[in-house]
């Protein structure tokens, strides 16, 4: 092995060991911790909202078409008929 190849091999091995060695661990700042906790709470709230909405949609879909949602109470429809418009003479 030539000296240049040996030097190149040693440099490549040193470079690989430097790249593989993990960085020194540092403490997290309080702002970063609060940000992560806030994001976690927001994700939990969104998931809970979606679950509740899905359950209520299923309950609404289970009501039979021949029965009103108010435990069989009669359904009353009210319509409004506007009076005819006044005509000018």
PDB file of N, CA and C in Angstrom:
ATOM      1  N   UNK A   1       0.847  -1.164   0.000  1.00  0.00           N
ATOM      2  CA  UNK A   1       0.000   0.000   0.000  1.00  0.00           C
ATOM      3  C   UNK A   1       0.900   1.238   0.000  1.00  0.00           C
ATOM      4  N   UNK A   2       0.548   2.164  -0.845  1.00  0.00           N
ATOM      5  CA  UNK A   2       1.357   3.380  -0.935  1.00  0.00           C
ATOM      6  C   UNK A   2       1.010   4.311   0.219  1.00  0.00           C
ATOM      7  N   UNK A   3       1.928   5.180   0.552  1.00  0.00           N
ATOM      8  CA  UNK A   3       1.665   6.099   1.671  1.00  0.00           C
ATOM      9  C   UNK A   3       0.464   7.017   1.413  1.00  0.00           C
ATOM     10  N   UNK A   4       0.229   7.413   0.178  1.00  0.00           N
ATOM     11  CA  UNK A   4      -0.898   8.282  -0.130  1.00  0.00           C
ATOM     12  C   UNK A   4      -2.232   7.558   0.095  1.00  0.00           C
ATOM     13  N   UNK A   5      -2.281   6.279  -0.269  1.00  0.00           N
ATOM     14  CA  UNK A   5      -3.496   5.503  -0.036  1.00  0.00           C
ATOM     15  C   UNK A   5      -3.736   5.312   1.458  1.00  0.00           C
ATOM     16  N   UNK A   6      -2.655   5.093   2.196  1.00  0.00           N
ATOM     17  CA  UNK A   6      -2.781   4.917   3.637  1.00  0.00           C
ATOM     18  C   UNK A   6      -3.298   6.194   4.297  1.00  0.00           C
ATOM     19  N   UNK A   7      -2.789   7.336   3.898  1.00  0.00           N
ATOM     20  CA  UNK A   7      -3.244   8.626   4.437  1.00  0.00           C
ATOM     21  C   UNK A   7      -4.706   8.863   4.053  1.00  0.00           C
ATOM     22  N   UNK A   8      -5.061   8.545   2.802  1.00  0.00           N
ATOM     23  CA  UNK A   8      -6.441   8.725   2.349  1.00  0.00           C
ATOM     24  C   UNK A   8      -7.381   7.814   3.147  1.00  0.00           C
ATOM     25  N   UNK A   9      -6.973   6.577   3.387  1.00  0.00           N
ATOM     26  CA  UNK A   9      -7.791   5.646   4.155  1.00  0.00           C
ATOM     27  C   UNK A   9      -7.987   6.131   5.591  1.00  0.00           C
ATOM     28  N   UNK A  10      -6.911   6.600   6.205  1.00  0.00           N
ATOM     29  CA  UNK A  10      -7.004   7.112   7.581  1.00  0.00           C
ATOM     30  C   UNK A  10      -7.920   8.335   7.634  1.00  0.00           C
ATOM     31  N   UNK A  11      -7.831   9.218   6.658  1.00  0.00           N
ATOM     32  CA  UNK A  11      -8.685  10.408   6.630  1.00  0.00           C
ATOM     33  C   UNK A  11     -10.160  10.035   6.419  1.00  0.00           C
ATOM     34  N   UNK A  12     -10.431   9.066   5.553  1.00  0.00           N
ATOM     35  CA  UNK A  12     -11.807   8.636   5.323  1.00  0.00           C
ATOM     36  C   UNK A  12     -12.389   7.996   6.587  1.00  0.00           C
ATOM     37  N   UNK A  13     -11.601   7.159   7.266  1.00  0.00           N
ATOM     38  CA  UNK A  13     -12.066   6.534   8.503  1.00  0.00           C
ATOM     39  C   UNK A  13     -12.319   7.593   9.572  1.00  0.00           C
ATOM     40  N   UNK A  14     -11.433   8.574   9.689  1.00  0.00           N
ATOM     41  CA  UNK A  14     -11.625   9.643  10.670  1.00  0.00           C
ATOM     42  C   UNK A  14     -12.870  10.467  10.343  1.00  0.00           C
ATOM     43  N   UNK A  15     -13.104  10.730   9.065  1.00  0.00           N
ATOM     44  CA  UNK A  15     -14.291  11.479   8.653  1.00  0.00           C
ATOM     45  C   UNK A  15     -15.574  10.695   8.958  1.00  0.00           C
ATOM     46  N   UNK A  16     -15.567   9.400   8.691  1.00  0.00           N
ATOM     47  CA  UNK A  16     -16.729   8.572   8.991  1.00  0.00           C
ATOM     48  C   UNK A  16     -16.995   8.493  10.493  1.00  0.00           C
ATOM     49  N   UNK A  17     -15.955   8.360  11.308  1.00  0.00           N
ATOM     50  CA  UNK A  17     -16.147   8.329  12.758  1.00  0.00           C
ATOM     51  C   UNK A  17     -16.687   9.656  13.278  1.00  0.00           C
ATOM     52  N   UNK A  18     -16.252  10.753  12.695  1.00  0.00           N
ATOM     53  CA  UNK A  18     -16.749  12.065  13.097  1.00  0.00           C
ATOM     54  C   UNK A  18     -18.227  12.223  12.731  1.00  0.00           C
ATOM     55  N   UNK A  19     -18.612  11.719  11.556  1.00  0.00           N
ATOM     56  CA  UNK A  19     -20.001  11.856  11.110  1.00  0.00           C
ATOM     57  C   UNK A  19     -20.935  10.945  11.909  1.00  0.00           C
ATOM     58  N   UNK A  20     -20.452   9.783  12.344  1.00  0.00           N
ATOM     59  CA  UNK A  20     -21.290   8.817  13.044  1.00  0.00           C
ATOM     60  C   UNK A  20     -21.433   9.151  14.520  1.00  0.00           C
ATOM     61  N   UNK A  21     -20.473   9.816  15.113  1.00  0.00           N
ATOM     62  CA  UNK A  21     -20.506  10.144  16.539  1.00  0.00           C
ATOM     63  C   UNK A  21     -21.672  11.084  16.829  1.00  0.00           C
ATOM     64  N   UNK A  22     -22.533  10.754  17.803  1.00  0.00           N
ATOM     65  CA  UNK A  22     -23.680  11.621  18.091  1.00  0.00           C
ATOM     66  C   UNK A  22     -23.242  12.945  18.719  1.00  0.00           C
ATOM     67  N   UNK A  23     -24.072  13.957  18.499  1.00  0.00           N
ATOM     68  CA  UNK A  23     -23.778  15.278  19.055  1.00  0.00           C
ATOM     69  C   UNK A  23     -24.051  15.275  20.559  1.00  0.00           C
ATOM     70  N   UNK A  24     -23.462  16.223  21.243  1.00  0.00           N
ATOM     71  CA  UNK A  24     -23.655  16.336  22.680  1.00  0.00           C
ATOM     72  C   UNK A  24     -25.091  16.757  22.979  1.00  0.00           C
ATOM     73  N   UNK A  25     -25.704  16.100  23.942  1.00  0.00           N
ATOM     74  CA  UNK A  25     -27.094  16.408  24.295  1.00  0.00           C
ATOM     75  C   UNK A  25     -27.147  17.723  25.055  1.00  0.00           C
ATOM     76  N   UNK A  26     -28.135  18.534  24.714  1.00  0.00           N
ATOM     77  CA  UNK A  26     -28.306  19.815  25.393  1.00  0.00           C
ATOM     78  C   UNK A  26     -29.721  19.863  25.971  1.00  0.00           C
ATOM     79  N   UNK A  27     -29.884  20.633  27.014  1.00  0.00           N
ATOM     80  CA  UNK A  27     -31.200  20.757  27.660  1.00  0.00           C
ATOM     81  C   UNK A  27     -32.129  21.569  26.761  1.00  0.00           C
ATOM     82  N   UNK A  28     -33.413  21.239  26.808  1.00  0.00           N
ATOM     83  CA  UNK A  28     -34.402  21.977  26.021  1.00  0.00           C
ATOM     84  C   UNK A  28     -34.839  23.213  26.784  1.00  0.00           C
ATOM     85  N   UNK A  29     -35.137  24.262  26.059  1.00  0.00           N
ATOM     86  CA  UNK A  29     -35.614  25.490  26.689  1.00  0.00           C
ATOM     87  C   UNK A  29     -37.083  25.330  27.071  1.00  0.00           C
ATOM     88  N   UNK A  30     -37.523  26.135  28.030  1.00  0.00           N
ATOM     89  CA  UNK A  30     -38.893  26.046  28.523  1.00  0.00           C
ATOM     90  C   UNK A  30     -39.882  26.427  27.429  1.00  0.00           C
ATOM     91  N   UNK A  31     -39.515  27.366  26.562  1.00  0.00           N
ATOM     92  CA  UNK A  31     -40.404  27.760  25.465  1.00  0.00           C
ATOM     93  C   UNK A  31     -40.645  26.622  24.494  1.00  0.00           C
ATOM     94  N   UNK A  32     -39.596  25.859  24.207  1.00  0.00           N
ATOM     95  CA  UNK A  32     -39.739  24.714  23.304  1.00  0.00           C
ATOM     96  C   UNK A  32     -40.617  23.641  23.930  1.00  0.00           C
ATOM     97  N   UNK A  33     -40.452  23.408  25.215  1.00  0.00           N
ATOM     98  CA  UNK A  33     -41.267  22.404  25.907  1.00  0.00           C
ATOM     99  C   UNK A  33     -42.736  22.826  25.903  1.00  0.00           C
ATOM    100  N   UNK A  34     -43.003  24.099  26.200  1.00  0.00           N
ATOM    101  CA  UNK A  34     -44.384  24.582  26.195  1.00  0.00           C
ATOM    102  C   UNK A  34     -44.997  24.515  24.800  1.00  0.00           C
ATOM    103  N   UNK A  35     -44.208  24.796  23.781  1.00  0.00           N
ATOM    104  CA  UNK A  35     -44.698  24.707  22.410  1.00  0.00           C
ATOM    105  C   UNK A  35     -45.081  23.265  22.072  1.00  0.00           C
ATOM    106  N   UNK A  36     -44.252  22.317  22.432  1.00  0.00           N
ATOM    107  CA  UNK A  36     -44.542  20.909  22.152  1.00  0.00           C
ATOM    108  C   UNK A  36     -45.770  20.425  22.916  1.00  0.00           C
ATOM    109  N   UNK A  37     -45.908  20.847  24.169  1.00  0.00           N
ATOM    110  CA  UNK A  37     -47.079  20.466  24.956  1.00  0.00           C
ATOM    111  C   UNK A  37     -48.345  21.084  24.362  1.00  0.00           C
ATOM    112  N   UNK A  38     -48.269  22.333  23.945  1.00  0.00           N
ATOM    113  CA  UNK A  38     -49.423  22.992  23.328  1.00  0.00           C
ATOM    114  C   UNK A  38     -49.863  22.311  22.043  1.00  0.00           C
ATOM    115  N   UNK A  39     -48.905  21.934  21.223  1.00  0.00           N
ATOM    116  CA  UNK A  39     -49.232  21.222  19.982  1.00  0.00           C
ATOM    117  C   UNK A  39     -49.866  19.873  20.305  1.00  0.00           C
ATOM    118  N   UNK A  40     -49.353  19.198  21.315  1.00  0.00           N
ATOM    119  CA  UNK A  40     -49.935  17.913  21.711  1.00  0.00           C
ATOM    120  C   UNK A  40     -51.372  18.052  22.188  1.00  0.00           C
ATOM    121  N   UNK A  41     -51.647  19.072  22.987  1.00  0.00           N
ATOM    122  CA  UNK A  41     -53.005  19.313  23.474  1.00  0.00           C
ATOM    123  C   UNK A  41     -53.936  19.647  22.308  1.00  0.00           C
ATOM    124  N   UNK A  42     -53.463  20.445  21.358  1.00  0.00           N
ATOM    125  CA  UNK A  42     -54.290  20.790  20.200  1.00  0.00           C
ATOM    126  C   UNK A  42     -54.620  19.549  19.373  1.00  0.00           C
ATOM    127  N   UNK A  43     -53.657  18.670  19.197  1.00  0.00           N
ATOM    128  CA  UNK A  43     -53.902  17.433  18.435  1.00  0.00           C
ATOM    129  C   UNK A  43     -54.927  16.562  19.158  1.00  0.00           C
ATOM    130  N   UNK A  44     -54.813  16.451  20.479  1.00  0.00           N
ATOM    131  CA  UNK A  44     -55.772  15.646  21.245  1.00  0.00           C
ATOM    132  C   UNK A  44     -57.170  16.251  21.142  1.00  0.00           C
ATOM    133  N   UNK A  45     -57.294  17.567  21.198  1.00  0.00           N
ATOM    134  CA  UNK A  45     -58.598  18.213  21.088  1.00  0.00           C
ATOM    135  C   UNK A  45     -59.212  17.981  19.710  1.00  0.00           C
ATOM    136  N   UNK A  46     -58.422  18.060  18.658  1.00  0.00           N
ATOM    137  CA  UNK A  46     -58.939  17.835  17.302  1.00  0.00           C
ATOM    138  C   UNK A  46     -59.407  16.394  17.144  1.00  0.00           C
ATOM    139  N   UNK A  47     -58.631  15.451  17.650  1.00  0.00           N
ATOM    140  CA  UNK A  47     -59.025  14.036  17.554  1.00  0.00           C
ATOM    141  C   UNK A  47     -60.318  13.791  18.333  1.00  0.00           C
ATOM    142  N   UNK A  48     -60.436  14.365  19.529  1.00  0.00           N
ATOM    143  CA  UNK A  48     -61.661  14.192  20.320  1.00  0.00           C
ATOM    144  C   UNK A  48     -62.862  14.803  19.604  1.00  0.00           C
ATOM    145  N   UNK A  49     -62.688  15.968  19.002  1.00  0.00           N
ATOM    146  CA  UNK A  49     -63.773  16.603  18.253  1.00  0.00           C
ATOM    147  C   UNK A  49     -64.227  15.730  17.089  1.00  0.00           C
ATOM    148  N   UNK A  50     -63.262  15.169  16.354  1.00  0.00           N
ATOM    149  CA  UNK A  50     -63.618  14.316  15.218  1.00  0.00           C
ATOM    150  C   UNK A  50     -64.339  13.049  15.666  1.00  0.00           C
ATOM    151  N   UNK A  51     -63.940  12.489  16.797  1.00  0.00           N
ATOM    152  CA  UNK A  51     -64.608  11.287  17.303  1.00  0.00           C
ATOM    153  C   UNK A  51     -66.041  11.607  17.707  1.00  0.00           C
ATOM    154  N   UNK A  52     -66.251  12.710  18.421  1.00  0.00           N
ATOM    155  CA  UNK A  52     -67.597  13.094  18.847  1.00  0.00           C
ATOM    156  C   UNK A  52     -68.475  13.397  17.634  1.00  0.00           C
ATOM    157  N   UNK A  53     -67.939  14.086  16.640  1.00  0.00           N
ATOM    158  CA  UNK A  53     -68.718  14.401  15.440  1.00  0.00           C
ATOM    159  C   UNK A  53     -69.092  13.130  14.690  1.00  0.00           C
ATOM    160  N   UNK A  54     -68.188  12.173  14.634  1.00  0.00           N
ATOM    161  CA  UNK A  54     -68.468  10.913  13.942  1.00  0.00           C
ATOM    162  C   UNK A  54     -69.564  10.137  14.658  1.00  0.00           C
ATOM    163  N   UNK A  55     -69.526  10.107  15.985  1.00  0.00           N
ATOM    164  CA  UNK A  55     -70.542   9.381  16.756  1.00  0.00           C
ATOM    165  C   UNK A  55     -71.905  10.050  16.589  1.00  0.00           C
ATOM    166  N   UNK A  56     -71.957  11.369  16.619  1.00  0.00           N
ATOM    167  CA  UNK A  56     -73.245  12.053  16.477  1.00  0.00           C
ATOM    168  C   UNK A  56     -73.806  11.874  15.069  1.00  0.00           C
ATOM    169  N   UNK A  57     -72.960  11.830  14.049  1.00  0.00           N
ATOM    170  CA  UNK A  57     -73.435  11.569  12.691  1.00  0.00           C
ATOM    171  C   UNK A  57     -74.012  10.165  12.581  1.00  0.00           C
ATOM    172  N   UNK A  58     -73.403   9.198  13.236  1.00  0.00           N
ATOM    173  CA  UNK A  58     -73.932   7.833  13.199  1.00  0.00           C
ATOM    174  C   UNK A  58     -75.286   7.757  13.888  1.00  0.00           C
ATOM    175  N   UNK A  59     -75.440   8.449  15.013  1.00  0.00           N
ATOM    176  CA  UNK A  59     -76.725   8.440  15.713  1.00  0.00           C
ATOM    177  C   UNK A  59     -77.798   9.094  14.868  1.00  0.00           C
ATOM    178  N   UNK A  60     -77.459  10.175  14.199  1.00  0.00           N
ATOM    179  CA  UNK A  60     -78.417  10.868  13.351  1.00  0.00           C
ATOM    180  C   UNK A  60     -78.811   9.989  12.158  1.00  0.00           C
ATOM    181  N   UNK A  61     -77.875   9.211  11.645  1.00  0.00           N
ATOM    182  CA  UNK A  61     -78.165   8.349  10.504  1.00  0.00           C
ATOM    183  C   UNK A  61     -79.009   7.146  10.905  1.00  0.00           C
ATOM    184  N   UNK A  62     -79.011   6.770  12.179  1.00  0.00           N
ATOM    185  CA  UNK A  62     -79.767   5.605  12.631  1.00  0.00           C
ATOM    186  C   UNK A  62     -81.245   5.888  12.865  1.00  0.00           C
ATOM    187  N   UNK A  63     -81.684   7.133  12.845  1.00  0.00           N
ATOM    188  CA  UNK A  63     -83.096   7.468  13.054  1.00  0.00           C
ATOM    189  C   UNK A  63     -83.864   7.016  11.819  1.00  0.00           C
ATOM    190  N   UNK A  64     -84.921   6.204  11.990  1.00  0.00           N
ATOM    191  CA  UNK A  64     -85.698   5.744  10.829  1.00  0.00           C
ATOM    192  C   UNK A  64     -86.383   6.898  10.121  1.00  0.00           C
ATOM    193  N   UNK A  65     -86.629   6.718   8.838  1.00  0.00           N
ATOM    194  CA  UNK A  65     -87.219   7.787   8.030  1.00  0.00           C
ATOM    195  C   UNK A  65     -88.677   8.023   8.373  1.00  0.00           C
ATOM    196  N   UNK A  66     -89.416   6.995   8.855  1.00  0.00           N
ATOM    197  CA  UNK A  66     -90.837   7.158   9.150  1.00  0.00           C
ATOM    198  C   UNK A  66     -91.096   7.711  10.552  1.00  0.00           C
ATOM    199  N   UNK A  67     -90.046   7.965  11.305  1.00  0.00           N
ATOM    200  CA  UNK A  67     -90.207   8.460  12.668  1.00  0.00           C
ATOM    201  C   UNK A  67     -89.399   9.746  12.817  1.00  0.00           C
ATOM    202  N   UNK A  68     -89.979  10.733  13.469  1.00  0.00           N
ATOM    203  CA  UNK A  68     -89.264  11.981  13.668  1.00  0.00           C
ATOM    204  C   UNK A  68     -88.260  11.808  14.803  1.00  0.00           C
ATOM    205  N   UNK A  69     -87.226  12.629  14.846  1.00  0.00           N
ATOM    206  CA  UNK A  69     -86.215  12.497  15.888  1.00  0.00           C
ATOM    207  C   UNK A  69     -86.720  12.809  17.289  1.00  0.00           C
ATOM    208  N   UNK A  70     -87.889  13.444  17.449  1.00  0.00           N
ATOM    209  CA  UNK A  70     -88.382  13.845  18.764  1.00  0.00           C
ATOM    210  C   UNK A  70     -89.276  12.766  19.366  1.00  0.00           C
ATOM    211  N   UNK A  71     -88.870  11.527  19.370  1.00  0.00           N
ATOM    212  CA  UNK A  71     -89.579  10.412  20.002  1.00  0.00           C
ATOM    213  C   UNK A  71     -91.016  10.270  19.515  1.00  0.00           C
ATOM    214  N   UNK A  72     -91.243  10.343  18.242  1.00  0.00           N
ATOM    215  CA  UNK A  72     -92.563  10.100  17.687  1.00  0.00           C
ATOM    216  C   UNK A  72     -93.503  11.282  17.744  1.00  0.00           C
ATOM    217  N   UNK A  73     -93.032  12.460  18.098  1.00  0.00           N
ATOM    218  CA  UNK A  73     -93.897  13.632  18.138  1.00  0.00           C
ATOM    219  C   UNK A  73     -94.285  13.990  16.707  1.00  0.00           C
ATOM    220  N   UNK A  74     -95.520  14.494  16.524  1.00  0.00           N
ATOM    221  CA  UNK A  74     -95.935  14.838  15.160  1.00  0.00           C
ATOM    222  C   UNK A  74     -95.121  16.001  14.613  1.00  0.00           C
ATOM    223  N   UNK A  75     -94.910  15.952  13.342  1.00  0.00           N
ATOM    224  CA  UNK A  75     -94.126  16.977  12.668  1.00  0.00           C
ATOM    225  C   UNK A  75     -95.083  18.014  12.098  1.00  0.00           C
ATOM    226  N   UNK A  76     -94.906  19.286  12.429  1.00  0.00           N
ATOM    227  CA  UNK A  76     -95.778  20.352  11.965  1.00  0.00           C
ATOM    228  C   UNK A  76     -94.971  21.246  11.048  1.00  0.00           C
ATOM    229  N   UNK A  77     -95.480  21.437   9.844  1.00  0.00           N
ATOM    230  CA  UNK A  77     -94.829  22.328   8.898  1.00  0.00           C
ATOM    231  C   UNK A  77     -95.599  23.632   8.834  1.00  0.00           C
ATOM    232  N   UNK A  78     -94.906  24.747   8.919  1.00  0.00           N
ATOM    233  CA  UNK A  78     -95.533  26.058   8.863  1.00  0.00           C
ATOM    234  C   UNK A  78     -94.986  26.751   7.636  1.00  0.00           C
ATOM    235  N   UNK A  79     -95.886  27.258   6.804  1.00  0.00           N
ATOM    236  CA  UNK A  79     -95.454  27.991   5.612  1.00  0.00           C
ATOM    237  C   UNK A  79     -95.973  29.418   5.696  1.00  0.00           C
ATOM    238  N   UNK A  80     -95.293  30.285   5.066  1.00  0.00           N
ATOM    239  CA  UNK A  80     -95.677  31.694   5.055  1.00  0.00           C
ATOM    240  C   UNK A  80     -95.963  32.081   3.617  1.00  0.00           C
ATOM    241  N   UNK A  81     -97.141  32.623   3.393  1.00  0.00           N
ATOM    242  CA  UNK A  81     -97.532  33.068   2.051  1.00  0.00           C
ATOM    243  C   UNK A  81     -97.571  34.585   2.105  1.00  0.00           C
ATOM    244  N   UNK A  82     -96.789  35.217   1.281  1.00  0.00           N
ATOM    245  CA  UNK A  82     -96.740  36.676   1.295  1.00  0.00           C
ATOM    246  C   UNK A  82     -97.972  37.220   0.560  1.00  0.00           C
ATOM    247  N   UNK A  83     -98.485  38.375   1.014  1.00  0.00           N
ATOM    248  CA  UNK A  83     -99.653  38.965   0.348  1.00  0.00           C
ATOM    249  C   UNK A  83     -99.267  39.453  -1.043  1.00  0.00           C
ATOM    250  N   UNK A  84    -100.217  39.545  -1.927  1.00  0.00           N
ATOM    251  CA  UNK A  84     -99.889  40.020  -3.296  1.00  0.00           C
ATOM    252  C   UNK A  84     -99.366  41.455  -3.243  1.00  0.00           C
ATOM    253  N   UNK A  85     -98.478  41.747  -4.141  1.00  0.00           N
ATOM    254  CA  UNK A  85     -97.890  43.087  -4.189  1.00  0.00           C
ATOM    255  C   UNK A  85     -98.938  44.107  -4.652  1.00  0.00           C
ATOM    256  N   UNK A  86     -98.886  45.292  -4.086  1.00  0.00           N
ATOM    257  CA  UNK A  86     -99.833  46.341  -4.456  1.00  0.00           C
ATOM    258  C   UNK A  86     -99.518  46.832  -5.864  1.00  0.00           C
ATOM    259  N   UNK A  87    -100.567  47.013  -6.642  1.00  0.00           N
ATOM    260  CA  UNK A  87    -100.383  47.497  -8.020  1.00  0.00           C
ATOM    261  C   UNK A  87    -100.667  48.993  -8.071  1.00  0.00           C
ATOM    262  N   UNK A  88     -99.903  49.698  -8.817  1.00  0.00           N
ATOM    263  CA  UNK A  88    -100.141  51.131  -8.945  1.00  0.00           C
ATOM    264  C   UNK A  88    -101.225  51.386  -9.990  1.00  0.00           C
ATOM    265  N   UNK A  89    -102.065  52.453  -9.798  1.00  0.00           N
ATOM    266  CA  UNK A  89    -103.172  52.717 -10.734  1.00  0.00           C
ATOM    267  C   UNK A  89    -102.732  53.225 -12.084  1.00  0.00           C
TER     268      UNK A  89
END
